[in-house]
Amino acid sequence: MIYGFAYLGMVLAISGGWFFLTVLKKPYFIEKPLEKLKNKIRPLLSSKED
């Protein structure tokens, strides 16, 4: 039975982590580098050669 509770706790911790990363507003020291990275990658992803 203890393994069931441990598994449930692990699943809830992982789900909570993903919720924190995707939904909640990130602190400045996380958000700023992500914006820089997105701005660097954006031209590479959007360049289409017809």
C-alpha atoms as a PDB file:
ATOM      1  CA  MET A   1       0.000   0.000   0.000  1.00  0.00           C
ATOM      2  CA  ILE A   2       2.900   2.354   0.678  1.00  0.00           C
ATOM      3  CA  TYR A   3       3.966   1.952  -2.962  1.00  0.00           C
ATOM      4  CA  GLY A   4       0.552   3.159  -4.069  1.00  0.00           C
ATOM      5  CA  PHE A   5       0.896   6.326  -2.017  1.00  0.00           C
ATOM      6  CA  ALA A   6       4.457   6.839  -3.248  1.00  0.00           C
ATOM      7  CA  TYR A   7       3.291   6.449  -6.858  1.00  0.00           C
ATOM      8  CA  LEU A   8       0.390   8.848  -6.300  1.00  0.00           C
ATOM      9  CA  GLY A   9       2.735  11.387  -4.724  1.00  0.00           C
ATOM     10  CA  MET A  10       5.148  11.093  -7.655  1.00  0.00           C
ATOM     11  CA  VAL A  11       2.356  11.574 -10.200  1.00  0.00           C
ATOM     12  CA  LEU A  12       0.995  14.593  -8.339  1.00  0.00           C
ATOM     13  CA  ALA A  13       4.479  16.122  -8.027  1.00  0.00           C
ATOM     14  CA  ILE A  14       5.167  15.741 -11.753  1.00  0.00           C
ATOM     15  CA  SER A  15       1.736  17.107 -12.660  1.00  0.00           C
ATOM     16  CA  GLY A  16       2.209  20.044 -10.307  1.00  0.00           C
ATOM     17  CA  GLY A  17       5.600  20.772 -11.853  1.00  0.00           C
ATOM     18  CA  TRP A  18       4.178  20.825 -15.354  1.00  0.00           C
ATOM     19  CA  PHE A  19       1.302  23.021 -14.184  1.00  0.00           C
ATOM     20  CA  PHE A  20       3.810  25.438 -12.624  1.00  0.00           C
ATOM     21  CA  LEU A  21       5.905  25.570 -15.806  1.00  0.00           C
ATOM     22  CA  THR A  22       3.032  26.046 -18.249  1.00  0.00           C
ATOM     23  CA  VAL A  23       0.261  27.964 -16.493  1.00  0.00           C
ATOM     24  CA  LEU A  24       1.673  30.111 -13.721  1.00  0.00           C
ATOM     25  CA  LYS A  25       3.661  33.249 -14.421  1.00  0.00           C
ATOM     26  CA  LYS A  26       7.360  32.602 -14.278  1.00  0.00           C
ATOM     27  CA  PRO A  27       9.767  34.780 -12.283  1.00  0.00           C
ATOM     28  CA  TYR A  28      11.856  37.350 -14.113  1.00  0.00           C
ATOM     29  CA  PHE A  29      15.071  35.320 -13.934  1.00  0.00           C
ATOM     30  CA  ILE A  30      13.356  32.426 -15.768  1.00  0.00           C
ATOM     31  CA  GLU A  31      11.175  34.416 -18.181  1.00  0.00           C
ATOM     32  CA  LYS A  32      13.895  36.713 -19.548  1.00  0.00           C
ATOM     33  CA  PRO A  33      16.286  33.964 -20.791  1.00  0.00           C
ATOM     34  CA  LEU A  34      13.324  32.107 -22.307  1.00  0.00           C
ATOM     35  CA  GLU A  35      12.325  35.205 -24.270  1.00  0.00           C
ATOM     36  CA  LYS A  36      15.893  35.627 -25.551  1.00  0.00           C
ATOM     37  CA  LEU A  37      16.016  31.980 -26.599  1.00  0.00           C
ATOM     38  CA  LYS A  38      12.645  32.203 -28.363  1.00  0.00           C
ATOM     39  CA  ASN A  39      13.751  35.322 -30.237  1.00  0.00           C
ATOM     40  CA  LYS A  40      16.927  33.566 -31.404  1.00  0.00           C
ATOM     41  CA  ILE A  41      15.092  30.419 -32.529  1.00  0.00           C
ATOM     42  CA  ARG A  42      12.102  32.140 -34.150  1.00  0.00           C
ATOM     43  CA  PRO A  43      13.873  33.150 -37.422  1.00  0.00           C
ATOM     44  CA  LEU A  44      15.206  29.625 -37.860  1.00  0.00           C
ATOM     45  CA  LEU A  45      11.788  28.056 -37.459  1.00  0.00           C
ATOM     46  CA  SER A  46       9.829  30.520 -39.566  1.00  0.00           C
ATOM     47  CA  SER A  47      12.190  30.641 -42.559  1.00  0.00           C
ATOM     48  CA  LYS A  48      10.518  28.843 -45.431  1.00  0.00           C
ATOM     49  CA  GLU A  49      12.239  28.237 -48.695  1.00  0.00           C
ATOM     50  CA  ASP A  50       9.735  28.035 -51.530  1.00  0.00           C
END
